Structures are given as structure tokens and as C-alpha cells.
């Protein structure tokens, strides 16, 4: 295969990834349109049933859960996502078991090995992760940006939402949501 055909195939794959991410983010921002409450001061409550989730290693995940759930939404192609993903993993290491921590990769069609390599490379290896290729979880929680971290309390209410928060901010949000 020539280099030119190989480049076109790779370029086409990335266009599909970016188109999928753009569609997810557009759907999330359309869902937020018309809301009179500021999203930072009044977190949205998910009224959409959360889909059944399985982590990359096959474990069932429930959101909401019996304790707070910390969700970090990222894409393996997003350089800025490394910070929020690493900060969530650091919070998980410090936290113990007050909350459940879950990475949510938004790349459609990405495989588990690629996601795990990304997590290892940013210092978040071992973070339980799901691939939300359909965008249902991102839509349910009105995700509007990559690197967004959301803390969901046990009733399903969004208790915290920020882009690239520090581990300390995440732990403080978990304490409030517990």
C-alpha cells in the first residue's frame, strides 16, 4: 500500500472520530439550550435512564450507585484530557472507597488496548473505563466539554461539574456528595 493511500485511510478514520465527538458535544449543548439556570451554579439532574455499562474488562457499572460516582469524560486524541484523567486517578488513589471512579472515553470504535495505553501513558492506568461510543452517557449527564469531570450522588443528581479540576477539588466534591 502506498504512503498516500495509508495516509488517506488514517485521515478518514480521524475524521470519523472527530465527527462522532462533534455530534456528541452538539447533542449535549442542544440538550442544555433553553435552561435558565447556570450550569455551574445549578447542576443538572439526569432524567434520562443511564444505559447499562460494562468496563473494558467486563465489569458491570451502575450510575448512579450506592455511593458517589466520579466520571471523567475524555478522548484519547485530546492532549488536555491527560490532566483531568490523571487528576481523577490521583483522587481515586487518595480516596479509598468513598466513591466509585470511572473514565468515559468518547472515541467511537476505539479498542480496549488503545484506551489502556492512553491511560498508562498519562498516569491513570487501572482507572475503570467504559467507551461511550453511542454518546448515551455523555448525553444523559449533559457533558459539554472534553476533560469534564462530574460527581453524581447516590440519587443520580450531579453534585459537581468542572473541567480539569484538581484532585483536591474532586475529593472535596466527593465528601459533599457522600
N, C-alpha and C. Protein backbone atom coordinates (compact mmCIF):
# COMPACT_ATOMS: atom_id res chain seq x y z
N UNK A 1 0.86 -1.17 0.00
CA UNK A 1 0.00 0.00 0.00
C UNK A 1 0.90 1.23 0.00
N UNK A 2 0.56 2.20 -0.82
CA UNK A 2 1.38 3.40 -0.87
C UNK A 2 1.17 4.26 0.36
N UNK A 3 2.14 5.12 0.61
CA UNK A 3 2.03 6.01 1.76
C UNK A 3 0.82 6.93 1.62
N UNK A 4 0.53 7.35 0.39
CA UNK A 4 -0.59 8.26 0.17
C UNK A 4 -1.91 7.57 0.53
N UNK A 5 -2.14 6.32 0.11
CA UNK A 5 -3.37 5.61 0.45
C UNK A 5 -3.47 5.37 1.95
N UNK A 6 -2.35 5.01 2.58
CA UNK A 6 -2.32 4.79 4.02
C UNK A 6 -2.69 6.06 4.76
N UNK A 7 -2.13 7.20 4.34
CA UNK A 7 -2.44 8.48 4.98
C UNK A 7 -3.92 8.81 4.82
N UNK A 8 -4.48 8.57 3.61
CA UNK A 8 -5.90 8.85 3.40
C UNK A 8 -6.77 8.01 4.32
N UNK A 9 -6.40 6.73 4.49
CA UNK A 9 -7.17 5.85 5.35
C UNK A 9 -7.10 6.33 6.80
N UNK A 10 -5.93 6.71 7.28
CA UNK A 10 -5.78 7.23 8.64
C UNK A 10 -6.53 8.53 8.78
N UNK A 11 -6.38 9.42 7.80
CA UNK A 11 -7.06 10.71 7.83
C UNK A 11 -8.57 10.51 7.88
N UNK A 12 -9.08 9.56 7.11
CA UNK A 12 -10.51 9.27 7.11
C UNK A 12 -10.97 8.76 8.47
N UNK A 13 -10.16 7.91 9.11
CA UNK A 13 -10.51 7.39 10.43
C UNK A 13 -10.59 8.52 11.45
N UNK A 14 -9.63 9.44 11.42
CA UNK A 14 -9.66 10.56 12.37
C UNK A 14 -10.85 11.48 12.10
N UNK A 15 -11.21 11.64 10.82
CA UNK A 15 -12.39 12.46 10.52
C UNK A 15 -13.62 11.82 11.15
N UNK A 16 -13.74 10.50 11.11
CA UNK A 16 -14.87 9.82 11.72
C UNK A 16 -14.87 10.01 13.23
N UNK A 17 -13.69 9.91 13.86
CA UNK A 17 -13.59 10.12 15.30
C UNK A 17 -14.04 11.52 15.66
N UNK A 18 -13.51 12.52 14.96
CA UNK A 18 -13.85 13.91 15.28
C UNK A 18 -15.31 14.20 14.97
N UNK A 19 -15.86 13.61 13.92
CA UNK A 19 -17.27 13.80 13.61
C UNK A 19 -18.14 13.21 14.72
N UNK A 20 -17.76 12.05 15.24
CA UNK A 20 -18.51 11.44 16.34
C UNK A 20 -18.46 12.28 17.60
N UNK A 21 -17.28 12.79 17.92
CA UNK A 21 -17.14 13.64 19.10
C UNK A 21 -17.94 14.92 18.92
N UNK A 22 -17.86 15.51 17.73
CA UNK A 22 -18.62 16.74 17.46
C UNK A 22 -20.11 16.49 17.60
N UNK A 23 -20.59 15.34 17.13
CA UNK A 23 -22.01 15.02 17.24
C UNK A 23 -22.42 14.88 18.71
N UNK A 24 -21.59 14.23 19.50
CA UNK A 24 -21.89 14.06 20.92
C UNK A 24 -21.94 15.41 21.62
N UNK A 25 -20.93 16.24 21.37
CA UNK A 25 -20.89 17.55 22.02
C UNK A 25 -22.03 18.44 21.53
N UNK A 26 -22.39 18.35 20.26
CA UNK A 26 -23.51 19.14 19.76
C UNK A 26 -24.81 18.70 20.40
N UNK A 27 -25.00 17.40 20.54
CA UNK A 27 -26.21 16.89 21.19
C UNK A 27 -26.28 17.35 22.64
N UNK A 28 -25.14 17.35 23.32
CA UNK A 28 -25.12 17.78 24.71
C UNK A 28 -25.44 19.26 24.84
N UNK A 29 -24.93 20.09 23.92
CA UNK A 29 -25.21 21.51 24.04
C UNK A 29 -26.63 21.84 23.62
N UNK A 30 -27.20 21.10 22.66
CA UNK A 30 -28.60 21.31 22.30
C UNK A 30 -29.49 20.94 23.48
N UNK A 31 -29.16 19.88 24.18
CA UNK A 31 -29.96 19.46 25.33
C UNK A 31 -29.95 20.52 26.42
N UNK A 32 -28.86 21.28 26.52
CA UNK A 32 -28.75 22.30 27.56
C UNK A 32 -29.39 23.62 27.15
N UNK A 33 -29.73 23.79 25.86
CA UNK A 33 -30.32 25.04 25.40
C UNK A 33 -31.66 25.27 26.09
N UNK A 34 -31.92 26.52 26.38
CA UNK A 34 -33.19 26.88 26.97
C UNK A 34 -33.22 26.78 28.48
N UNK A 35 -32.17 26.27 29.09
CA UNK A 35 -32.13 26.18 30.53
C UNK A 35 -31.86 27.56 31.10
N UNK A 36 -32.69 28.00 32.05
CA UNK A 36 -32.49 29.33 32.63
C UNK A 36 -31.47 29.30 33.76
N UNK A 37 -31.21 28.15 34.31
CA UNK A 37 -30.23 28.04 35.41
C UNK A 37 -28.84 27.91 34.84
N UNK A 38 -27.89 28.58 35.47
CA UNK A 38 -26.50 28.44 35.06
C UNK A 38 -26.00 27.05 35.42
N UNK A 39 -25.31 26.42 34.49
CA UNK A 39 -24.88 25.05 34.72
C UNK A 39 -23.87 24.95 35.84
N UNK A 40 -23.07 25.97 36.05
CA UNK A 40 -22.07 25.87 37.11
C UNK A 40 -22.70 26.07 38.49
N UNK A 41 -23.78 26.84 38.57
CA UNK A 41 -24.36 27.09 39.88
C UNK A 41 -25.49 26.13 40.22
N UNK A 42 -26.09 25.52 39.23
CA UNK A 42 -27.20 24.60 39.47
C UNK A 42 -27.01 23.37 38.61
N UNK A 43 -26.30 22.36 39.10
CA UNK A 43 -26.02 21.18 38.29
C UNK A 43 -27.30 20.50 37.83
N UNK A 44 -27.24 19.97 36.61
CA UNK A 44 -28.39 19.28 36.04
C UNK A 44 -28.59 17.93 36.70
N UNK A 45 -29.84 17.52 36.78
CA UNK A 45 -30.16 16.19 37.25
C UNK A 45 -30.46 15.34 36.02
N UNK A 46 -29.88 14.18 35.95
CA UNK A 46 -30.11 13.31 34.81
C UNK A 46 -31.52 12.74 34.90
N UNK A 47 -32.32 13.00 33.87
CA UNK A 47 -33.65 12.43 33.82
C UNK A 47 -33.70 11.28 32.82
N UNK A 48 -32.63 11.11 32.07
CA UNK A 48 -32.53 10.02 31.12
C UNK A 48 -31.98 8.80 31.84
N UNK A 49 -32.62 7.65 31.69
CA UNK A 49 -32.05 6.45 32.33
C UNK A 49 -30.64 6.21 31.81
N UNK A 50 -29.74 5.94 32.72
CA UNK A 50 -28.36 5.67 32.34
C UNK A 50 -28.30 4.28 31.71
N UNK A 51 -27.63 4.18 30.57
CA UNK A 51 -27.54 2.88 29.91
C UNK A 51 -26.74 1.88 30.74
N UNK A 52 -26.96 0.61 30.47
CA UNK A 52 -26.15 -0.43 31.10
C UNK A 52 -24.72 -0.26 30.62
N UNK A 53 -23.80 -0.30 31.55
CA UNK A 53 -22.40 -0.07 31.20
C UNK A 53 -21.55 -1.25 31.60
N UNK A 54 -20.53 -1.51 30.80
CA UNK A 54 -19.52 -2.52 31.11
C UNK A 54 -18.17 -1.88 30.90
N UNK A 55 -17.29 -2.06 31.88
CA UNK A 55 -15.94 -1.52 31.74
C UNK A 55 -15.19 -2.32 30.68
N UNK A 56 -14.02 -1.84 30.32
CA UNK A 56 -13.21 -2.52 29.31
C UNK A 56 -12.87 -3.94 29.72
N UNK A 57 -12.82 -4.19 31.03
CA UNK A 57 -12.53 -5.56 31.49
C UNK A 57 -13.79 -6.34 31.82
N UNK A 58 -14.96 -5.84 31.42
CA UNK A 58 -16.21 -6.60 31.53
C UNK A 58 -17.02 -6.43 32.80
N UNK A 59 -16.60 -5.58 33.72
CA UNK A 59 -17.35 -5.40 34.96
C UNK A 59 -18.57 -4.51 34.72
N UNK A 60 -19.70 -4.88 35.35
CA UNK A 60 -20.92 -4.07 35.25
C UNK A 60 -20.76 -2.81 36.08
N UNK A 61 -21.24 -1.69 35.55
CA UNK A 61 -21.16 -0.40 36.24
C UNK A 61 -22.56 0.21 36.26
N UNK A 62 -22.92 0.77 37.42
CA UNK A 62 -24.21 1.42 37.56
C UNK A 62 -24.02 2.87 37.97
N UNK A 63 -24.66 3.76 37.25
CA UNK A 63 -24.64 5.18 37.57
C UNK A 63 -26.10 5.63 37.56
N UNK A 64 -26.62 6.10 38.69
CA UNK A 64 -25.97 6.26 39.97
C UNK A 64 -25.70 4.93 40.66
N UNK A 65 -25.01 5.04 41.78
CA UNK A 65 -24.59 3.88 42.54
C UNK A 65 -24.95 4.08 44.01
N UNK A 66 -24.55 3.14 44.85
CA UNK A 66 -24.81 3.25 46.28
C UNK A 66 -23.91 4.29 46.96
N UNK A 67 -22.97 4.82 46.22
CA UNK A 67 -22.08 5.89 46.71
C UNK A 67 -21.79 6.81 45.53
N UNK A 68 -21.20 7.98 45.77
CA UNK A 68 -20.93 8.89 44.65
C UNK A 68 -20.10 8.22 43.55
N UNK A 69 -20.35 8.68 42.32
CA UNK A 69 -19.59 8.20 41.17
C UNK A 69 -18.91 9.41 40.53
N UNK A 70 -17.61 9.29 40.34
CA UNK A 70 -16.84 10.34 39.67
C UNK A 70 -16.62 9.89 38.23
N UNK A 71 -17.10 10.70 37.30
CA UNK A 71 -16.98 10.40 35.87
C UNK A 71 -16.03 11.42 35.25
N UNK A 72 -15.07 10.95 34.47
CA UNK A 72 -14.22 11.85 33.70
C UNK A 72 -14.42 11.50 32.23
N UNK A 73 -14.86 12.49 31.45
CA UNK A 73 -15.13 12.30 30.02
C UNK A 73 -13.92 12.77 29.23
N UNK A 74 -13.39 11.89 28.38
CA UNK A 74 -12.18 12.21 27.65
C UNK A 74 -12.16 11.52 26.30
N UNK A 75 -11.17 11.90 25.53
CA UNK A 75 -10.90 11.27 24.25
C UNK A 75 -9.40 10.99 24.21
N UNK A 76 -9.02 9.85 23.70
CA UNK A 76 -7.59 9.53 23.66
C UNK A 76 -6.82 10.47 22.74
N UNK A 77 -7.51 11.16 21.85
CA UNK A 77 -6.85 12.10 20.95
C UNK A 77 -6.78 13.52 21.51
N UNK A 78 -7.20 13.71 22.74
CA UNK A 78 -7.27 15.04 23.36
C UNK A 78 -6.10 15.21 24.33
N UNK A 79 -5.17 16.07 23.97
CA UNK A 79 -3.98 16.27 24.81
C UNK A 79 -4.37 16.83 26.18
N UNK A 80 -5.33 17.74 26.23
CA UNK A 80 -5.74 18.34 27.50
C UNK A 80 -6.42 17.34 28.42
N UNK A 81 -6.96 16.27 27.86
CA UNK A 81 -7.67 15.27 28.67
C UNK A 81 -6.74 14.51 29.60
N UNK A 82 -5.46 14.51 29.30
CA UNK A 82 -4.49 13.80 30.14
C UNK A 82 -4.51 14.35 31.56
N UNK A 83 -4.64 15.66 31.72
CA UNK A 83 -4.62 16.29 33.04
C UNK A 83 -5.82 15.85 33.87
N UNK A 84 -7.02 15.96 33.30
CA UNK A 84 -8.21 15.60 34.09
C UNK A 84 -8.25 14.12 34.41
N UNK A 85 -7.82 13.29 33.46
CA UNK A 85 -7.83 11.85 33.68
C UNK A 85 -6.83 11.47 34.78
N UNK A 86 -5.66 12.06 34.73
CA UNK A 86 -4.64 11.82 35.76
C UNK A 86 -5.12 12.33 37.12
N UNK A 87 -5.78 13.50 37.16
CA UNK A 87 -6.28 14.04 38.43
C UNK A 87 -7.38 13.18 39.04
N UNK A 88 -8.23 12.61 38.20
CA UNK A 88 -9.27 11.71 38.71
C UNK A 88 -8.62 10.46 39.30
N UNK A 89 -7.61 9.92 38.62
CA UNK A 89 -6.94 8.73 39.14
C UNK A 89 -6.22 9.04 40.45
N UNK A 90 -5.62 10.21 40.55
CA UNK A 90 -4.95 10.60 41.79
C UNK A 90 -5.96 10.74 42.92
N UNK A 91 -7.12 11.32 42.63
CA UNK A 91 -8.18 11.41 43.65
C UNK A 91 -8.62 10.02 44.07
N UNK A 92 -8.75 9.11 43.12
CA UNK A 92 -9.16 7.74 43.43
C UNK A 92 -8.14 7.06 44.35
N UNK A 93 -6.87 7.29 44.10
CA UNK A 93 -5.82 6.69 44.93
C UNK A 93 -5.88 7.23 46.36
N UNK A 94 -6.17 8.51 46.51
CA UNK A 94 -6.22 9.13 47.82
C UNK A 94 -7.53 8.83 48.56
N UNK A 95 -8.58 8.58 47.83
CA UNK A 95 -9.92 8.47 48.39
C UNK A 95 -10.19 7.18 49.15
N UNK A 96 -9.72 6.10 48.69
CA UNK A 96 -10.11 4.84 49.30
C UNK A 96 -11.37 4.33 48.63
N UNK A 97 -12.46 4.23 49.41
CA UNK A 97 -13.68 3.65 48.83
C UNK A 97 -14.93 4.51 49.06
N UNK A 98 -14.76 5.81 49.28
CA UNK A 98 -15.94 6.67 49.47
C UNK A 98 -16.74 6.83 48.18
N UNK A 99 -16.07 6.69 47.03
CA UNK A 99 -16.72 6.89 45.73
C UNK A 99 -16.24 5.84 44.74
N UNK A 100 -16.96 5.74 43.65
CA UNK A 100 -16.54 4.93 42.52
C UNK A 100 -15.99 5.89 41.47
N UNK A 101 -14.93 5.50 40.79
CA UNK A 101 -14.28 6.35 39.80
C UNK A 101 -14.35 5.66 38.45
N UNK A 102 -14.73 6.42 37.42
CA UNK A 102 -14.94 5.82 36.11
C UNK A 102 -14.49 6.77 35.00
N UNK A 103 -13.62 6.29 34.15
CA UNK A 103 -13.26 7.02 32.94
C UNK A 103 -14.28 6.72 31.87
N UNK A 104 -14.60 7.73 31.06
CA UNK A 104 -15.56 7.56 29.97
C UNK A 104 -14.90 8.07 28.69
N UNK A 105 -14.46 7.15 27.87
CA UNK A 105 -13.83 7.52 26.60
C UNK A 105 -14.93 7.75 25.57
N UNK A 106 -14.86 8.86 24.86
CA UNK A 106 -15.89 9.23 23.89
C UNK A 106 -15.51 8.91 22.45
N UNK A 107 -14.40 8.21 22.23
CA UNK A 107 -13.98 7.86 20.88
C UNK A 107 -14.81 6.70 20.36
N UNK A 108 -15.56 6.91 19.28
CA UNK A 108 -16.32 5.78 18.73
C UNK A 108 -15.38 4.77 18.08
N UNK A 109 -15.56 3.52 18.43
CA UNK A 109 -14.79 2.46 17.79
C UNK A 109 -13.39 2.24 18.32
N UNK A 110 -13.00 2.91 19.40
CA UNK A 110 -11.66 2.71 19.94
C UNK A 110 -11.61 1.36 20.66
N UNK A 111 -10.48 0.69 20.58
CA UNK A 111 -10.39 -0.62 21.23
C UNK A 111 -9.78 -0.50 22.63
N UNK A 112 -9.98 -1.52 23.43
CA UNK A 112 -9.54 -1.53 24.83
C UNK A 112 -8.03 -1.36 24.95
N UNK A 113 -7.26 -1.98 24.09
CA UNK A 113 -5.80 -1.88 24.18
C UNK A 113 -5.33 -0.44 23.98
N UNK A 114 -5.96 0.27 23.05
CA UNK A 114 -5.59 1.66 22.80
C UNK A 114 -5.95 2.54 23.99
N UNK A 115 -7.12 2.33 24.55
CA UNK A 115 -7.53 3.11 25.73
C UNK A 115 -6.59 2.83 26.89
N UNK A 116 -6.26 1.58 27.12
CA UNK A 116 -5.35 1.23 28.22
C UNK A 116 -3.96 1.83 28.03
N UNK A 117 -3.48 1.87 26.78
CA UNK A 117 -2.18 2.51 26.52
C UNK A 117 -2.24 4.00 26.85
N UNK A 118 -3.35 4.65 26.47
CA UNK A 118 -3.52 6.07 26.79
C UNK A 118 -3.52 6.27 28.31
N UNK A 119 -4.31 5.48 29.02
CA UNK A 119 -4.39 5.61 30.48
C UNK A 119 -3.02 5.40 31.12
N UNK A 120 -2.30 4.39 30.69
CA UNK A 120 -0.95 4.15 31.22
C UNK A 120 -0.02 5.33 30.94
N UNK A 121 -0.13 5.89 29.74
CA UNK A 121 0.78 6.97 29.34
C UNK A 121 0.53 8.26 30.12
N UNK A 122 -0.68 8.46 30.64
CA UNK A 122 -0.98 9.70 31.37
C UNK A 122 -0.99 9.49 32.88
N UNK A 123 -0.60 8.31 33.33
CA UNK A 123 -0.54 8.05 34.77
C UNK A 123 -1.88 7.68 35.38
N UNK A 124 -2.79 7.17 34.56
CA UNK A 124 -4.11 6.78 35.06
C UNK A 124 -4.39 5.31 34.80
N UNK A 125 -3.33 4.52 34.64
CA UNK A 125 -3.51 3.08 34.42
C UNK A 125 -4.29 2.46 35.57
N UNK A 126 -5.23 1.62 35.25
CA UNK A 126 -6.05 0.97 36.27
C UNK A 126 -7.38 1.66 36.52
N UNK A 127 -7.58 2.86 35.93
CA UNK A 127 -8.86 3.55 36.09
C UNK A 127 -9.93 2.76 35.36
N UNK A 128 -10.97 2.26 36.07
CA UNK A 128 -12.05 1.56 35.36
C UNK A 128 -12.63 2.49 34.28
N UNK A 129 -12.82 1.96 33.09
CA UNK A 129 -13.21 2.79 31.96
C UNK A 129 -14.25 2.11 31.09
N UNK A 130 -15.17 2.92 30.59
CA UNK A 130 -16.13 2.48 29.58
C UNK A 130 -15.89 3.31 28.32
N UNK A 131 -16.26 2.76 27.18
CA UNK A 131 -16.24 3.52 25.94
C UNK A 131 -17.69 3.86 25.62
N UNK A 132 -17.99 5.14 25.61
CA UNK A 132 -19.34 5.63 25.35
C UNK A 132 -19.47 6.02 23.88
N UNK A 133 -19.31 5.03 23.00
CA UNK A 133 -19.30 5.31 21.57
C UNK A 133 -20.64 5.82 21.06
N UNK A 134 -21.73 5.50 21.73
CA UNK A 134 -23.04 5.99 21.31
C UNK A 134 -23.33 7.38 21.86
N UNK A 135 -22.59 7.80 22.87
CA UNK A 135 -22.82 9.12 23.47
C UNK A 135 -23.95 9.16 24.48
N UNK A 136 -24.53 8.00 24.83
CA UNK A 136 -25.68 7.99 25.73
C UNK A 136 -25.34 8.51 27.13
N UNK A 137 -24.18 8.14 27.66
CA UNK A 137 -23.81 8.60 28.99
C UNK A 137 -23.49 10.10 28.96
N UNK A 138 -22.78 10.53 27.94
CA UNK A 138 -22.47 11.96 27.80
C UNK A 138 -23.76 12.77 27.67
N UNK A 139 -24.70 12.26 26.92
CA UNK A 139 -25.99 12.95 26.75
C UNK A 139 -26.78 12.96 28.06
N UNK A 140 -26.80 11.84 28.75
CA UNK A 140 -27.57 11.74 30.00
C UNK A 140 -27.10 12.75 31.04
N UNK A 141 -25.80 13.05 31.05
CA UNK A 141 -25.26 13.97 32.04
C UNK A 141 -24.86 15.32 31.44
N UNK A 142 -25.36 15.61 30.25
CA UNK A 142 -25.20 16.93 29.63
C UNK A 142 -23.74 17.38 29.56
N UNK A 143 -22.89 16.47 29.13
CA UNK A 143 -21.46 16.79 29.00
C UNK A 143 -21.29 17.78 27.86
N UNK A 144 -20.58 18.86 28.14
CA UNK A 144 -20.39 19.90 27.13
C UNK A 144 -18.94 20.10 26.73
N UNK A 145 -18.02 19.37 27.35
CA UNK A 145 -16.60 19.55 27.02
C UNK A 145 -15.82 18.29 27.33
N UNK A 146 -14.79 18.06 26.53
CA UNK A 146 -13.84 17.01 26.88
C UNK A 146 -13.12 17.46 28.13
N UNK A 147 -12.63 16.54 28.92
CA UNK A 147 -11.95 16.79 30.20
C UNK A 147 -12.92 17.17 31.31
N UNK A 148 -14.22 17.04 31.05
CA UNK A 148 -15.20 17.38 32.07
C UNK A 148 -15.27 16.26 33.11
N UNK A 149 -15.27 16.66 34.37
CA UNK A 149 -15.39 15.73 35.49
C UNK A 149 -16.71 16.01 36.18
N UNK A 150 -17.47 14.95 36.41
CA UNK A 150 -18.78 15.07 37.04
C UNK A 150 -18.83 14.12 38.22
N UNK A 151 -19.36 14.61 39.35
CA UNK A 151 -19.62 13.76 40.50
C UNK A 151 -21.13 13.60 40.60
N UNK A 152 -21.58 12.35 40.56
CA UNK A 152 -23.01 12.03 40.64
C UNK A 152 -23.26 11.42 42.01
N UNK A 153 -24.22 11.99 42.76
CA UNK A 153 -24.51 11.42 44.08
C UNK A 153 -25.37 10.16 43.94
N UNK A 154 -25.66 9.50 45.05
CA UNK A 154 -26.35 8.20 45.00
C UNK A 154 -27.79 8.31 44.50
N UNK A 155 -28.36 9.51 44.49
CA UNK A 155 -29.72 9.69 43.97
C UNK A 155 -29.71 9.99 42.47
N UNK A 156 -28.53 10.18 41.88
CA UNK A 156 -28.43 10.48 40.46
C UNK A 156 -28.26 11.95 40.16
N UNK A 157 -28.23 12.79 41.17
CA UNK A 157 -28.07 14.23 40.97
C UNK A 157 -26.60 14.56 40.75
N UNK A 158 -26.35 15.46 39.79
CA UNK A 158 -25.00 15.93 39.56
C UNK A 158 -24.65 16.89 40.69
N UNK A 159 -23.66 16.51 41.48
CA UNK A 159 -23.26 17.30 42.64
C UNK A 159 -22.07 18.21 42.35
N UNK A 160 -21.36 17.93 41.26
CA UNK A 160 -20.16 18.69 40.92
C UNK A 160 -19.90 18.52 39.44
N UNK A 161 -19.43 19.61 38.82
CA UNK A 161 -19.10 19.59 37.40
C UNK A 161 -17.99 20.60 37.17
N UNK A 162 -16.89 20.17 36.57
CA UNK A 162 -15.79 21.09 36.26
C UNK A 162 -14.92 20.48 35.16
N UNK A 163 -14.18 21.34 34.50
CA UNK A 163 -13.20 20.90 33.51
C UNK A 163 -11.82 21.00 34.16
N UNK A 164 -11.08 19.91 34.11
CA UNK A 164 -9.72 19.83 34.65
C UNK A 164 -9.61 20.22 36.13
N UNK A 165 -10.49 19.71 36.99
CA UNK A 165 -10.35 20.04 38.42
C UNK A 165 -9.15 19.34 39.03
N UNK A 166 -8.66 19.89 40.12
CA UNK A 166 -7.55 19.28 40.85
C UNK A 166 -8.04 18.06 41.61
N UNK A 167 -7.14 17.17 42.01
CA UNK A 167 -7.56 16.03 42.84
C UNK A 167 -8.24 16.49 44.13
N UNK A 168 -7.77 17.60 44.71
CA UNK A 168 -8.35 18.10 45.96
C UNK A 168 -9.79 18.58 45.74
N UNK A 169 -10.05 19.23 44.60
CA UNK A 169 -11.41 19.68 44.29
C UNK A 169 -12.34 18.48 44.09
N UNK A 170 -11.83 17.43 43.46
CA UNK A 170 -12.63 16.22 43.25
C UNK A 170 -12.95 15.56 44.60
N UNK A 171 -11.94 15.45 45.46
CA UNK A 171 -12.16 14.83 46.77
C UNK A 171 -13.13 15.65 47.63
N UNK A 172 -13.06 16.97 47.54
CA UNK A 172 -14.00 17.81 48.28
C UNK A 172 -15.42 17.61 47.76
N UNK A 173 -15.57 17.48 46.45
CA UNK A 173 -16.90 17.24 45.86
C UNK A 173 -17.43 15.87 46.29
N UNK A 174 -16.57 14.88 46.34
CA UNK A 174 -16.99 13.55 46.80
C UNK A 174 -17.47 13.62 48.25
N UNK A 175 -16.75 14.33 49.09
CA UNK A 175 -17.13 14.47 50.50
C UNK A 175 -18.50 15.13 50.63
N UNK A 176 -18.77 16.15 49.81
CA UNK A 176 -20.07 16.83 49.84
C UNK A 176 -21.18 15.92 49.33
N UNK A 177 -20.87 15.06 48.35
CA UNK A 177 -21.89 14.20 47.72
C UNK A 177 -22.15 12.93 48.53
N UNK A 178 -21.27 12.59 49.44
CA UNK A 178 -21.40 11.34 50.18
C UNK A 178 -22.55 11.38 51.19
